[in-house]
Each structure stands twice: as structure tokens, then as C-alpha cells.
N, C-alpha and C. Protein backbone atom coordinates (compact mmCIF):
# COMPACT_ATOMS: atom_id res chain seq x y z
N MET A 1 -3.49 83.23 -48.37
CA MET A 1 -4.76 83.26 -49.09
C MET A 1 -4.98 81.88 -49.73
N GLU A 2 -6.06 81.24 -49.33
CA GLU A 2 -6.38 79.91 -49.83
C GLU A 2 -6.90 79.98 -51.26
N ARG A 3 -6.33 79.16 -52.14
CA ARG A 3 -6.75 79.10 -53.53
C ARG A 3 -8.03 78.27 -53.64
N ILE A 4 -8.86 78.60 -54.63
CA ILE A 4 -10.12 77.90 -54.85
C ILE A 4 -10.04 77.21 -56.21
N PRO A 5 -10.05 75.87 -56.24
CA PRO A 5 -9.97 75.19 -57.53
C PRO A 5 -11.27 75.36 -58.33
N MET A 6 -11.12 75.71 -59.60
CA MET A 6 -12.26 75.89 -60.49
C MET A 6 -11.85 75.51 -61.91
N THR A 7 -12.82 75.08 -62.68
CA THR A 7 -12.58 74.87 -64.10
C THR A 7 -12.78 76.20 -64.82
N GLN A 8 -12.30 76.30 -66.05
CA GLN A 8 -12.48 77.53 -66.82
C GLN A 8 -13.96 77.82 -67.03
N GLU A 9 -14.75 76.76 -67.25
CA GLU A 9 -16.19 76.94 -67.43
C GLU A 9 -16.83 77.55 -66.18
N GLY A 10 -16.39 77.11 -65.01
CA GLY A 10 -16.91 77.65 -63.76
C GLY A 10 -16.55 79.11 -63.57
N VAL A 11 -15.32 79.46 -63.92
CA VAL A 11 -14.88 80.86 -63.82
C VAL A 11 -15.68 81.72 -64.78
N ASP A 12 -15.86 81.24 -66.01
CA ASP A 12 -16.62 82.01 -67.01
C ASP A 12 -18.06 82.22 -66.56
N ALA A 13 -18.69 81.18 -66.02
CA ALA A 13 -20.09 81.29 -65.55
C ALA A 13 -20.17 82.27 -64.38
N MET A 14 -19.20 82.25 -63.48
CA MET A 14 -19.22 83.17 -62.35
C MET A 14 -19.02 84.60 -62.82
N ARG A 15 -18.16 84.80 -63.80
CA ARG A 15 -17.95 86.15 -64.34
C ARG A 15 -19.23 86.68 -65.01
N GLU A 16 -19.94 85.81 -65.72
CA GLU A 16 -21.20 86.22 -66.35
C GLU A 16 -22.23 86.62 -65.29
N GLU A 17 -22.36 85.79 -64.25
CA GLU A 17 -23.31 86.10 -63.18
C GLU A 17 -22.92 87.40 -62.49
N LEU A 18 -21.63 87.61 -62.27
CA LEU A 18 -21.15 88.83 -61.63
C LEU A 18 -21.48 90.06 -62.47
N ALA A 19 -21.31 89.95 -63.78
CA ALA A 19 -21.63 91.07 -64.67
C ALA A 19 -23.12 91.42 -64.59
N ILE A 20 -23.98 90.42 -64.52
CA ILE A 20 -25.42 90.65 -64.40
C ILE A 20 -25.73 91.33 -63.07
N MET A 21 -25.11 90.85 -62.01
CA MET A 21 -25.37 91.41 -60.68
C MET A 21 -24.89 92.85 -60.57
N LYS A 22 -23.75 93.16 -61.21
CA LYS A 22 -23.21 94.51 -61.16
C LYS A 22 -23.93 95.44 -62.14
N GLY A 23 -24.56 94.88 -63.14
CA GLY A 23 -25.23 95.67 -64.16
C GLY A 23 -26.72 95.75 -63.96
N GLU A 24 -27.44 94.90 -64.68
CA GLU A 24 -28.89 95.01 -64.69
C GLU A 24 -29.54 94.80 -63.33
N LYS A 25 -29.01 93.87 -62.52
CA LYS A 25 -29.64 93.65 -61.21
C LYS A 25 -29.43 94.86 -60.30
N ARG A 26 -28.21 95.38 -60.28
CA ARG A 26 -27.92 96.56 -59.45
C ARG A 26 -28.79 97.74 -59.88
N HIS A 27 -28.92 97.95 -61.19
CA HIS A 27 -29.73 99.06 -61.70
C HIS A 27 -31.21 98.86 -61.38
N GLY A 28 -31.68 97.62 -61.44
CA GLY A 28 -33.07 97.32 -61.10
C GLY A 28 -33.37 97.62 -59.63
N ILE A 29 -32.42 97.29 -58.77
CA ILE A 29 -32.60 97.55 -57.34
C ILE A 29 -32.61 99.06 -57.08
N ILE A 30 -31.71 99.78 -57.73
CA ILE A 30 -31.67 101.23 -57.56
C ILE A 30 -32.99 101.86 -58.01
N ALA A 31 -33.52 101.37 -59.13
CA ALA A 31 -34.81 101.88 -59.62
C ALA A 31 -35.92 101.59 -58.61
N ALA A 32 -35.91 100.40 -58.01
CA ALA A 32 -36.92 100.05 -57.01
C ALA A 32 -36.81 100.94 -55.78
N ILE A 33 -35.57 101.26 -55.37
CA ILE A 33 -35.37 102.15 -54.22
C ILE A 33 -35.89 103.54 -54.54
N GLU A 34 -35.57 104.04 -55.74
CA GLU A 34 -36.03 105.37 -56.13
C GLU A 34 -37.56 105.45 -56.17
N GLU A 35 -38.18 104.40 -56.69
CA GLU A 35 -39.64 104.36 -56.74
C GLU A 35 -40.24 104.35 -55.34
N ALA A 36 -39.63 103.55 -54.46
CA ALA A 36 -40.13 103.47 -53.09
C ALA A 36 -39.94 104.80 -52.36
N LEU A 37 -38.84 105.49 -52.64
CA LEU A 37 -38.59 106.80 -52.03
C LEU A 37 -39.65 107.82 -52.44
N ALA A 38 -40.16 107.68 -53.64
CA ALA A 38 -41.18 108.60 -54.15
C ALA A 38 -42.49 108.48 -53.37
N HIS A 39 -42.66 107.35 -52.67
CA HIS A 39 -43.89 107.15 -51.90
C HIS A 39 -43.90 107.92 -50.58
N GLY A 40 -42.76 108.49 -50.22
CA GLY A 40 -42.72 109.33 -49.02
C GLY A 40 -42.21 108.62 -47.79
N ASP A 41 -42.94 108.70 -46.69
CA ASP A 41 -42.55 108.24 -45.36
C ASP A 41 -41.83 106.88 -45.41
N LEU A 42 -40.55 106.89 -45.00
CA LEU A 42 -39.74 105.67 -45.05
C LEU A 42 -39.98 104.75 -43.85
N SER A 43 -40.51 105.28 -42.77
CA SER A 43 -40.68 104.46 -41.57
C SER A 43 -41.66 103.31 -41.78
N GLU A 44 -42.64 103.50 -42.66
CA GLU A 44 -43.63 102.44 -42.91
C GLU A 44 -43.65 102.04 -44.38
N ASN A 45 -42.52 102.17 -45.03
CA ASN A 45 -42.43 101.90 -46.47
C ASN A 45 -41.79 100.53 -46.68
N ALA A 46 -42.63 99.50 -46.75
CA ALA A 46 -42.14 98.13 -46.88
C ALA A 46 -41.35 97.93 -48.18
N GLU A 47 -41.78 98.57 -49.27
CA GLU A 47 -41.08 98.42 -50.56
C GLU A 47 -39.65 98.95 -50.46
N TYR A 48 -39.49 100.07 -49.77
CA TYR A 48 -38.16 100.66 -49.60
C TYR A 48 -37.27 99.72 -48.80
N HIS A 49 -37.77 99.21 -47.68
CA HIS A 49 -36.98 98.34 -46.82
C HIS A 49 -36.62 97.03 -47.54
N ALA A 50 -37.55 96.50 -48.31
CA ALA A 50 -37.29 95.27 -49.07
C ALA A 50 -36.22 95.51 -50.13
N ALA A 51 -36.31 96.64 -50.82
CA ALA A 51 -35.33 96.96 -51.86
C ALA A 51 -33.95 97.19 -51.26
N LYS A 52 -33.89 97.86 -50.10
CA LYS A 52 -32.60 98.08 -49.43
C LYS A 52 -31.99 96.76 -48.96
N GLU A 53 -32.85 95.85 -48.49
CA GLU A 53 -32.36 94.54 -48.07
C GLU A 53 -31.82 93.77 -49.27
N GLU A 54 -32.54 93.81 -50.38
CA GLU A 54 -32.09 93.14 -51.60
C GLU A 54 -30.77 93.74 -52.08
N GLN A 55 -30.64 95.06 -51.96
CA GLN A 55 -29.41 95.74 -52.36
C GLN A 55 -28.23 95.23 -51.51
N GLY A 56 -28.44 95.11 -50.22
CA GLY A 56 -27.40 94.62 -49.33
C GLY A 56 -26.98 93.20 -49.67
N MET A 57 -27.95 92.35 -49.95
CA MET A 57 -27.64 90.96 -50.30
C MET A 57 -26.91 90.89 -51.64
N ASN A 58 -27.33 91.71 -52.60
CA ASN A 58 -26.68 91.73 -53.91
C ASN A 58 -25.22 92.19 -53.77
N GLU A 59 -25.00 93.25 -53.02
CA GLU A 59 -23.64 93.78 -52.84
C GLU A 59 -22.75 92.77 -52.11
N ALA A 60 -23.31 92.07 -51.13
CA ALA A 60 -22.54 91.05 -50.40
C ALA A 60 -22.16 89.90 -51.34
N ARG A 61 -23.10 89.50 -52.17
CA ARG A 61 -22.83 88.42 -53.14
C ARG A 61 -21.77 88.87 -54.15
N ILE A 62 -21.82 90.10 -54.59
CA ILE A 62 -20.81 90.63 -55.51
C ILE A 62 -19.43 90.55 -54.88
N LYS A 63 -19.32 91.00 -53.64
CA LYS A 63 -18.02 90.97 -52.93
C LYS A 63 -17.51 89.53 -52.79
N LEU A 64 -18.41 88.62 -52.44
CA LEU A 64 -18.03 87.21 -52.29
C LEU A 64 -17.53 86.64 -53.62
N MET A 65 -18.25 86.91 -54.69
CA MET A 65 -17.85 86.39 -56.00
C MET A 65 -16.54 87.01 -56.46
N GLU A 66 -16.34 88.30 -56.23
CA GLU A 66 -15.07 88.94 -56.60
C GLU A 66 -13.91 88.32 -55.83
N ASP A 67 -14.13 88.03 -54.55
CA ASP A 67 -13.10 87.39 -53.75
C ASP A 67 -12.77 85.99 -54.28
N LYS A 68 -13.79 85.22 -54.59
CA LYS A 68 -13.57 83.86 -55.10
C LYS A 68 -12.86 83.88 -56.45
N LEU A 69 -13.24 84.81 -57.32
CA LEU A 69 -12.56 84.91 -58.61
C LEU A 69 -11.10 85.32 -58.45
N ALA A 70 -10.83 86.18 -57.48
CA ALA A 70 -9.45 86.60 -57.23
C ALA A 70 -8.60 85.44 -56.72
N ARG A 71 -9.23 84.52 -56.00
CA ARG A 71 -8.49 83.38 -55.44
C ARG A 71 -8.60 82.11 -56.28
N ALA A 72 -9.28 82.20 -57.43
CA ALA A 72 -9.51 81.01 -58.26
C ALA A 72 -8.20 80.47 -58.82
N GLN A 73 -8.06 79.17 -58.72
CA GLN A 73 -6.96 78.46 -59.36
C GLN A 73 -7.59 77.66 -60.48
N ILE A 74 -7.41 78.15 -61.71
CA ILE A 74 -8.08 77.54 -62.86
C ILE A 74 -7.35 76.27 -63.26
N PHE A 75 -8.13 75.21 -63.38
CA PHE A 75 -7.60 73.90 -63.73
C PHE A 75 -8.22 73.48 -65.04
N ASN A 76 -7.39 73.14 -66.01
CA ASN A 76 -7.86 72.68 -67.32
C ASN A 76 -7.76 71.16 -67.36
N PRO A 77 -8.88 70.46 -67.23
CA PRO A 77 -8.82 69.00 -67.20
C PRO A 77 -8.35 68.38 -68.52
N ALA A 78 -8.51 69.10 -69.65
CA ALA A 78 -8.12 68.54 -70.94
C ALA A 78 -6.62 68.24 -71.00
N GLY A 79 -5.83 68.92 -70.21
CA GLY A 79 -4.39 68.70 -70.21
C GLY A 79 -3.94 67.61 -69.26
N THR A 80 -4.86 66.96 -68.59
CA THR A 80 -4.51 65.95 -67.58
C THR A 80 -4.34 64.58 -68.21
N GLU A 81 -3.25 63.94 -67.86
CA GLU A 81 -3.03 62.55 -68.28
C GLU A 81 -2.82 61.74 -67.02
N SER A 82 -3.87 61.09 -66.58
CA SER A 82 -3.80 60.31 -65.36
C SER A 82 -4.76 59.14 -65.46
N ASP A 83 -4.36 58.02 -64.89
CA ASP A 83 -5.24 56.87 -64.82
C ASP A 83 -6.13 56.95 -63.58
N ARG A 84 -5.80 57.87 -62.70
CA ARG A 84 -6.54 58.04 -61.45
C ARG A 84 -7.49 59.22 -61.54
N ILE A 85 -8.52 59.18 -60.72
CA ILE A 85 -9.50 60.27 -60.69
C ILE A 85 -8.94 61.42 -59.87
N VAL A 86 -8.91 62.61 -60.49
CA VAL A 86 -8.51 63.84 -59.82
C VAL A 86 -9.51 64.93 -60.19
N PHE A 87 -9.31 66.12 -59.64
CA PHE A 87 -10.18 67.26 -59.94
C PHE A 87 -10.28 67.44 -61.45
N GLY A 88 -11.50 67.66 -61.93
CA GLY A 88 -11.73 67.89 -63.35
C GLY A 88 -12.08 66.64 -64.14
N ALA A 89 -11.98 65.48 -63.53
CA ALA A 89 -12.28 64.22 -64.24
C ALA A 89 -13.77 64.09 -64.51
N THR A 90 -14.08 63.54 -65.68
CA THR A 90 -15.45 63.14 -65.99
C THR A 90 -15.48 61.63 -65.83
N VAL A 91 -16.31 61.17 -64.92
CA VAL A 91 -16.29 59.76 -64.52
C VAL A 91 -17.63 59.10 -64.83
N THR A 92 -17.57 57.95 -65.49
CA THR A 92 -18.77 57.15 -65.72
C THR A 92 -18.77 56.05 -64.66
N LEU A 93 -19.88 55.97 -63.94
CA LEU A 93 -20.02 55.01 -62.84
C LEU A 93 -21.18 54.07 -63.09
N ALA A 94 -21.02 52.84 -62.69
CA ALA A 94 -22.13 51.89 -62.70
C ALA A 94 -22.62 51.77 -61.26
N ASP A 95 -23.87 52.13 -61.04
CA ASP A 95 -24.48 52.02 -59.72
C ASP A 95 -24.84 50.55 -59.52
N LEU A 96 -24.18 49.88 -58.60
CA LEU A 96 -24.37 48.44 -58.43
C LEU A 96 -25.73 48.11 -57.82
N ASP A 97 -26.39 49.09 -57.21
CA ASP A 97 -27.71 48.86 -56.64
C ASP A 97 -28.80 48.89 -57.71
N THR A 98 -28.64 49.77 -58.69
CA THR A 98 -29.70 49.95 -59.70
C THR A 98 -29.30 49.47 -61.10
N ASP A 99 -28.04 49.09 -61.29
CA ASP A 99 -27.50 48.69 -62.59
C ASP A 99 -27.60 49.79 -63.64
N LYS A 100 -27.66 51.04 -63.20
CA LYS A 100 -27.69 52.18 -64.12
C LYS A 100 -26.33 52.85 -64.12
N GLU A 101 -26.01 53.47 -65.26
CA GLU A 101 -24.77 54.24 -65.34
C GLU A 101 -25.07 55.71 -65.14
N VAL A 102 -24.17 56.39 -64.44
CA VAL A 102 -24.26 57.84 -64.25
C VAL A 102 -22.91 58.43 -64.61
N VAL A 103 -22.95 59.68 -65.08
CA VAL A 103 -21.73 60.38 -65.45
C VAL A 103 -21.65 61.67 -64.64
N TYR A 104 -20.51 61.87 -63.99
CA TYR A 104 -20.27 63.07 -63.20
C TYR A 104 -18.94 63.68 -63.58
N LYS A 105 -18.90 65.01 -63.56
CA LYS A 105 -17.64 65.73 -63.69
C LYS A 105 -17.35 66.36 -62.34
N ILE A 106 -16.13 66.18 -61.84
CA ILE A 106 -15.75 66.70 -60.53
C ILE A 106 -15.22 68.12 -60.71
N VAL A 107 -15.90 69.07 -60.07
CA VAL A 107 -15.58 70.49 -60.24
C VAL A 107 -15.51 71.18 -58.87
N GLY A 108 -15.29 72.49 -58.87
CA GLY A 108 -15.24 73.26 -57.64
C GLY A 108 -16.60 73.41 -57.00
N GLU A 109 -16.61 73.80 -55.74
CA GLU A 109 -17.86 73.90 -54.97
C GLU A 109 -18.87 74.84 -55.60
N ASP A 110 -18.41 75.98 -56.12
CA ASP A 110 -19.33 77.00 -56.63
C ASP A 110 -19.89 76.69 -58.00
N GLU A 111 -19.31 75.73 -58.71
CA GLU A 111 -19.79 75.42 -60.06
C GLU A 111 -20.54 74.10 -60.13
N ALA A 112 -20.67 73.40 -59.01
CA ALA A 112 -21.34 72.11 -59.00
C ALA A 112 -22.86 72.26 -59.10
N LYS A 113 -23.44 71.52 -60.03
CA LYS A 113 -24.90 71.47 -60.19
C LYS A 113 -25.23 70.04 -60.62
N ILE A 114 -25.79 69.28 -59.72
CA ILE A 114 -26.05 67.87 -59.98
C ILE A 114 -26.92 67.67 -61.21
N GLU A 115 -27.85 68.62 -61.46
CA GLU A 115 -28.72 68.49 -62.64
C GLU A 115 -27.93 68.63 -63.95
N ASN A 116 -26.72 69.22 -63.88
CA ASN A 116 -25.86 69.34 -65.05
C ASN A 116 -24.80 68.24 -65.09
N GLY A 117 -24.84 67.35 -64.10
CA GLY A 117 -23.87 66.26 -64.06
C GLY A 117 -22.53 66.67 -63.47
N THR A 118 -22.50 67.80 -62.76
CA THR A 118 -21.26 68.23 -62.10
C THR A 118 -21.43 68.10 -60.60
N ILE A 119 -20.38 67.59 -59.95
CA ILE A 119 -20.40 67.42 -58.51
C ILE A 119 -19.19 68.12 -57.89
N SER A 120 -19.37 68.60 -56.68
CA SER A 120 -18.32 69.31 -55.97
C SER A 120 -17.21 68.36 -55.53
N ILE A 121 -15.99 68.86 -55.58
CA ILE A 121 -14.83 68.10 -55.12
C ILE A 121 -14.98 67.70 -53.65
N THR A 122 -15.82 68.44 -52.90
CA THR A 122 -16.01 68.14 -51.48
C THR A 122 -17.21 67.24 -51.21
N SER A 123 -17.94 66.84 -52.26
CA SER A 123 -19.13 66.00 -52.07
C SER A 123 -18.71 64.58 -51.65
N PRO A 124 -19.61 63.86 -51.00
CA PRO A 124 -19.29 62.48 -50.60
C PRO A 124 -18.92 61.59 -51.79
N ILE A 125 -19.59 61.78 -52.92
CA ILE A 125 -19.28 60.95 -54.09
C ILE A 125 -17.87 61.24 -54.58
N ALA A 126 -17.54 62.52 -54.75
CA ALA A 126 -16.20 62.88 -55.23
C ALA A 126 -15.12 62.40 -54.26
N ARG A 127 -15.36 62.59 -52.97
CA ARG A 127 -14.35 62.14 -51.99
C ARG A 127 -14.12 60.64 -52.07
N ALA A 128 -15.17 59.89 -52.37
CA ALA A 128 -15.03 58.43 -52.49
C ALA A 128 -14.31 58.05 -53.78
N LEU A 129 -14.38 58.91 -54.80
CA LEU A 129 -13.79 58.59 -56.10
C LEU A 129 -12.34 59.02 -56.26
N ILE A 130 -11.94 60.10 -55.62
CA ILE A 130 -10.60 60.66 -55.81
C ILE A 130 -9.53 59.58 -55.53
N GLY A 131 -8.61 59.46 -56.50
CA GLY A 131 -7.50 58.51 -56.37
C GLY A 131 -7.79 57.13 -56.92
N LYS A 132 -9.03 56.86 -57.27
CA LYS A 132 -9.40 55.53 -57.78
C LYS A 132 -9.13 55.45 -59.29
N GLU A 133 -9.11 54.22 -59.82
CA GLU A 133 -8.86 53.96 -61.24
C GLU A 133 -10.04 53.22 -61.85
N GLU A 134 -10.02 53.13 -63.18
CA GLU A 134 -11.05 52.35 -63.89
C GLU A 134 -11.10 50.94 -63.34
N GLY A 135 -12.31 50.42 -63.13
CA GLY A 135 -12.49 49.07 -62.61
C GLY A 135 -12.56 49.00 -61.10
N ASP A 136 -12.10 50.03 -60.42
CA ASP A 136 -12.16 50.06 -58.95
C ASP A 136 -13.61 50.23 -58.49
N MET A 137 -13.84 49.85 -57.27
CA MET A 137 -15.14 50.05 -56.62
C MET A 137 -15.02 51.22 -55.66
N ALA A 138 -16.11 51.96 -55.52
CA ALA A 138 -16.14 53.09 -54.59
C ALA A 138 -17.40 52.97 -53.75
N THR A 139 -17.24 53.12 -52.45
CA THR A 139 -18.37 53.11 -51.54
C THR A 139 -18.65 54.54 -51.11
N VAL A 140 -19.88 54.97 -51.35
CA VAL A 140 -20.28 56.33 -51.01
C VAL A 140 -21.21 56.25 -49.81
N ARG A 141 -20.84 56.97 -48.76
CA ARG A 141 -21.69 57.03 -47.58
C ARG A 141 -22.73 58.12 -47.79
N ALA A 142 -23.97 57.71 -47.89
CA ALA A 142 -25.08 58.64 -48.14
C ALA A 142 -26.06 58.56 -46.98
N PRO A 143 -26.89 59.60 -46.82
CA PRO A 143 -27.87 59.57 -45.72
C PRO A 143 -28.77 58.34 -45.76
N GLY A 144 -29.07 57.83 -46.95
CA GLY A 144 -29.93 56.68 -47.09
C GLY A 144 -29.20 55.36 -46.95
N GLY A 145 -27.91 55.41 -46.67
CA GLY A 145 -27.11 54.20 -46.55
C GLY A 145 -25.98 54.19 -47.56
N ASP A 146 -25.09 53.23 -47.44
CA ASP A 146 -23.95 53.13 -48.33
C ASP A 146 -24.39 52.72 -49.74
N ARG A 147 -23.72 53.32 -50.75
CA ARG A 147 -23.99 52.99 -52.15
C ARG A 147 -22.68 52.53 -52.77
N GLU A 148 -22.76 51.50 -53.59
CA GLU A 148 -21.58 50.95 -54.25
C GLU A 148 -21.58 51.33 -55.73
N PHE A 149 -20.44 51.80 -56.21
CA PHE A 149 -20.28 52.16 -57.62
C PHE A 149 -19.02 51.49 -58.16
N GLU A 150 -19.10 51.09 -59.41
CA GLU A 150 -17.92 50.62 -60.12
C GLU A 150 -17.52 51.71 -61.10
N ILE A 151 -16.24 52.01 -61.16
CA ILE A 151 -15.75 53.05 -62.07
C ILE A 151 -15.58 52.43 -63.45
N VAL A 152 -16.43 52.87 -64.39
CA VAL A 152 -16.44 52.33 -65.75
C VAL A 152 -15.40 53.03 -66.61
N SER A 153 -15.34 54.36 -66.54
CA SER A 153 -14.36 55.09 -67.34
C SER A 153 -14.03 56.43 -66.70
N ILE A 154 -12.83 56.92 -67.06
CA ILE A 154 -12.35 58.22 -66.57
C ILE A 154 -11.89 59.01 -67.80
N GLU A 155 -12.40 60.22 -67.94
CA GLU A 155 -11.99 61.07 -69.06
C GLU A 155 -11.60 62.44 -68.52
N TYR A 156 -10.70 63.08 -69.25
CA TYR A 156 -10.33 64.46 -68.96
C TYR A 156 -10.56 65.26 -70.22
N LYS A 157 -11.66 66.03 -70.21
CA LYS A 157 -12.01 66.81 -71.40
C LYS A 157 -12.43 68.21 -71.05
């Protein structure tokens, strides 16, 4: 069974989402199915078929999330003492093309949200950064062409 690296924050967020899906979302879908059943003939009941499809997708997502949580390997970056970038690092980068600084935290695939400043360990940026130290340069292969970054700082928090 392959372990899935996650931060504690990622595990907590997934557990919260799972509770919502098993609780209020599941109950809402059941209510929609019951309402659609009250309309009678199921052969031409679009509301019923849509609710059943949503129920199937919700149940599949619940199973997937339960599996991932069971295989989660929780990593606490605060306990890491390394000069190199590894999973859980918060990295400040200087974009050499734009002279702007960006900050990313390297997390598991399921908890990555670029708008929150978190990137997946499997993303091109993270792959280019892993193993590097402060002051090193990293070349990221992107669809729009190669991008150069200088590693300004590495934190584990």
C-alpha cells in the first residue's frame, strides 16, 4: 500500500470535507431523491436521475477520500532541520524574469492550492526545487517556456 505524504493541515482539511460529504451533502442528496420520487414516473424524471448521479459521485468521492486518509503519511515540517528543500518547506523565490518574489509551501497533491500559496510535491516547480539550498538557482520547465528562480529563503513551519 503506497503511502501518501500530507501535512497535518491537509489531513485536517480533508477530514472536514469528508464530514460535510458524509453529513449534510449526503442528507441533501437523499432529500432530493425523495422529492423526485414523489413526482412519480422514474423513466422520464430528470431530477431523480440527476440526484442519483450526484449521489454516486458523492459516494465515490467519500471512498476515495477515506482511502487517501487511511494511507496518509503525516509530515510535520516544523520539526525539520535541513538546509535543503524537502516536502513541507516554505520557500521564498525571486523570479528572475519579473524581479518579483513568490512564496510557496510544498505539500501533498490533494492539499495543493496555488491561490493559497501551496504547490504539489509533483508540480514542475516543486520538482525543480527539491534538494536545492538557499542561493541556488532553479529552472522550471513551464508550457510558456523555461523560468528561472533564485531561492531566497527556506523555512520549515
